[in-house]
Amino acid sequence: MEHQPSVQAETRDLPPVDGWRRVERTGRARATCPCGLDTGMVPTSDAWGKATEHDVATSS
């Protein structure tokens, strides 16, 4: 199985300004991999850490 961990940041909508949609990051993210890794929503730094650890562990 090929491992391709990725991190998806959570965002939330803000009120529009002058007709422009606005979003902001919530500080949470999820790390996933096709092999089944799924951290659920955790602090962004934790998601990046898990994705990096997973990539290093599966590259050996």
N, C-alpha and C. Protein backbone atom coordinates (compact mmCIF):
# COMPACT_ATOMS: atom_id res chain seq x y z
N MET A 1 0.85 -1.18 0.00
CA MET A 1 0.00 0.00 0.00
C MET A 1 0.88 1.24 0.00
N GLU A 2 0.49 2.20 -0.78
CA GLU A 2 1.25 3.46 -0.84
C GLU A 2 0.75 4.41 0.24
N HIS A 3 1.68 4.96 0.97
CA HIS A 3 1.34 5.92 2.01
C HIS A 3 1.49 7.34 1.47
N GLN A 4 0.48 8.14 1.68
CA GLN A 4 0.51 9.55 1.30
C GLN A 4 -0.21 10.36 2.37
N PRO A 5 0.44 10.54 3.52
CA PRO A 5 -0.22 11.30 4.58
C PRO A 5 -0.47 12.74 4.14
N SER A 6 -1.60 13.27 4.57
CA SER A 6 -1.92 14.67 4.28
C SER A 6 -2.58 15.30 5.50
N VAL A 7 -2.56 16.61 5.53
CA VAL A 7 -3.15 17.36 6.64
C VAL A 7 -4.17 18.34 6.06
N GLN A 8 -5.37 18.32 6.61
CA GLN A 8 -6.44 19.21 6.18
C GLN A 8 -6.79 20.14 7.34
N ALA A 9 -6.60 21.43 7.13
CA ALA A 9 -6.90 22.42 8.18
C ALA A 9 -8.40 22.71 8.22
N GLU A 10 -8.90 22.88 9.43
CA GLU A 10 -10.31 23.24 9.62
C GLU A 10 -10.44 24.76 9.49
N THR A 11 -11.48 25.21 8.81
CA THR A 11 -11.75 26.64 8.69
C THR A 11 -13.19 26.92 9.10
N ARG A 12 -13.46 28.17 9.41
CA ARG A 12 -14.83 28.58 9.68
C ARG A 12 -15.10 29.87 8.93
N ASP A 13 -16.35 30.05 8.54
CA ASP A 13 -16.74 31.24 7.80
C ASP A 13 -16.85 32.44 8.73
N LEU A 14 -16.43 33.58 8.22
CA LEU A 14 -16.60 34.86 8.90
C LEU A 14 -17.63 35.66 8.12
N PRO A 15 -18.20 36.69 8.73
CA PRO A 15 -19.14 37.52 7.98
C PRO A 15 -18.45 38.13 6.75
N PRO A 16 -19.14 38.20 5.62
CA PRO A 16 -18.53 38.78 4.43
C PRO A 16 -18.27 40.28 4.61
N VAL A 17 -17.28 40.76 3.87
CA VAL A 17 -16.95 42.19 3.87
C VAL A 17 -16.98 42.67 2.42
N ASP A 18 -17.79 43.67 2.16
CA ASP A 18 -17.93 44.22 0.81
C ASP A 18 -18.23 43.13 -0.22
N GLY A 19 -19.02 42.14 0.19
CA GLY A 19 -19.41 41.07 -0.72
C GLY A 19 -18.39 39.94 -0.86
N TRP A 20 -17.25 40.04 -0.20
CA TRP A 20 -16.22 39.01 -0.28
C TRP A 20 -16.37 38.01 0.84
N ARG A 21 -16.33 36.74 0.48
CA ARG A 21 -16.38 35.67 1.48
C ARG A 21 -15.07 35.69 2.27
N ARG A 22 -15.18 35.45 3.58
CA ARG A 22 -13.99 35.39 4.43
C ARG A 22 -14.02 34.12 5.26
N VAL A 23 -12.85 33.55 5.49
CA VAL A 23 -12.71 32.37 6.35
C VAL A 23 -11.49 32.57 7.23
N GLU A 24 -11.44 31.82 8.31
CA GLU A 24 -10.24 31.81 9.15
C GLU A 24 -9.99 30.39 9.61
N ARG A 25 -8.74 30.09 9.86
CA ARG A 25 -8.37 28.77 10.39
C ARG A 25 -8.73 28.71 11.86
N THR A 26 -9.16 27.53 12.29
CA THR A 26 -9.59 27.37 13.68
C THR A 26 -8.45 26.96 14.60
N GLY A 27 -7.31 26.56 14.01
CA GLY A 27 -6.21 26.06 14.84
C GLY A 27 -6.27 24.55 15.00
N ARG A 28 -7.25 23.93 14.32
CA ARG A 28 -7.35 22.47 14.37
C ARG A 28 -7.20 21.91 12.96
N ALA A 29 -6.74 20.66 12.89
CA ALA A 29 -6.56 20.00 11.60
C ALA A 29 -6.68 18.50 11.80
N ARG A 30 -6.70 17.79 10.68
CA ARG A 30 -6.81 16.33 10.71
C ARG A 30 -5.74 15.76 9.79
N ALA A 31 -5.01 14.77 10.26
CA ALA A 31 -4.03 14.05 9.44
C ALA A 31 -4.66 12.75 9.00
N THR A 32 -4.56 12.46 7.70
CA THR A 32 -5.11 11.22 7.16
C THR A 32 -4.11 10.58 6.19
N CYS A 33 -4.30 9.30 5.95
CA CYS A 33 -3.49 8.56 4.99
C CYS A 33 -4.38 7.46 4.39
N PRO A 34 -4.19 7.12 3.12
CA PRO A 34 -5.01 6.06 2.52
C PRO A 34 -4.93 4.72 3.27
N CYS A 35 -3.89 4.50 4.07
CA CYS A 35 -3.75 3.24 4.80
C CYS A 35 -4.71 3.14 5.99
N GLY A 36 -5.33 4.28 6.35
CA GLY A 36 -6.26 4.25 7.48
C GLY A 36 -5.95 5.22 8.59
N LEU A 37 -4.78 5.86 8.57
CA LEU A 37 -4.46 6.85 9.59
C LEU A 37 -5.51 7.95 9.54
N ASP A 38 -6.05 8.30 10.69
CA ASP A 38 -7.01 9.41 10.80
C ASP A 38 -6.96 9.89 12.24
N THR A 39 -6.37 11.07 12.44
CA THR A 39 -6.21 11.58 13.79
C THR A 39 -7.49 12.21 14.33
N GLY A 40 -8.47 12.47 13.46
CA GLY A 40 -9.61 13.27 13.89
C GLY A 40 -9.12 14.70 14.05
N MET A 41 -9.99 15.59 14.48
CA MET A 41 -9.60 16.98 14.64
C MET A 41 -8.77 17.15 15.90
N VAL A 42 -7.54 17.61 15.72
CA VAL A 42 -6.59 17.84 16.81
C VAL A 42 -5.91 19.19 16.54
N PRO A 43 -5.15 19.73 17.51
CA PRO A 43 -4.41 20.95 17.22
C PRO A 43 -3.55 20.77 15.96
N THR A 44 -3.45 21.82 15.16
CA THR A 44 -2.74 21.74 13.88
C THR A 44 -1.33 21.20 14.02
N SER A 45 -0.60 21.65 15.04
CA SER A 45 0.78 21.17 15.21
C SER A 45 0.82 19.67 15.49
N ASP A 46 -0.18 19.15 16.20
CA ASP A 46 -0.24 17.71 16.46
C ASP A 46 -0.52 16.94 15.17
N ALA A 47 -1.41 17.47 14.34
CA ALA A 47 -1.73 16.81 13.07
C ALA A 47 -0.49 16.75 12.19
N TRP A 48 0.25 17.86 12.09
CA TRP A 48 1.48 17.87 11.30
C TRP A 48 2.49 16.89 11.86
N GLY A 49 2.61 16.84 13.19
CA GLY A 49 3.54 15.91 13.82
C GLY A 49 3.20 14.47 13.52
N LYS A 50 1.94 14.11 13.62
CA LYS A 50 1.52 12.73 13.35
C LYS A 50 1.74 12.37 11.88
N ALA A 51 1.43 13.30 10.96
CA ALA A 51 1.63 13.04 9.55
C ALA A 51 3.11 12.84 9.24
N THR A 52 3.97 13.67 9.84
CA THR A 52 5.41 13.56 9.62
C THR A 52 5.94 12.25 10.20
N GLU A 53 5.53 11.93 11.43
CA GLU A 53 5.96 10.66 12.05
C GLU A 53 5.53 9.47 11.20
N HIS A 54 4.31 9.52 10.70
CA HIS A 54 3.76 8.43 9.90
C HIS A 54 4.56 8.28 8.60
N ASP A 55 4.89 9.40 7.97
CA ASP A 55 5.64 9.38 6.72
C ASP A 55 7.04 8.81 6.95
N VAL A 56 7.69 9.22 8.03
CA VAL A 56 9.05 8.72 8.33
C VAL A 56 8.98 7.24 8.68
N ALA A 57 8.01 6.84 9.47
CA ALA A 57 7.90 5.44 9.91
C ALA A 57 7.62 4.50 8.73
N THR A 58 6.84 4.97 7.76
CA THR A 58 6.48 4.09 6.63
C THR A 58 7.50 4.17 5.50
N SER A 59 8.43 5.12 5.57
CA SER A 59 9.46 5.24 4.53
C SER A 59 10.64 4.31 4.78
N SER A 60 10.74 3.79 5.98
CA SER A 60 11.90 2.94 6.33
C SER A 60 11.73 1.54 5.83
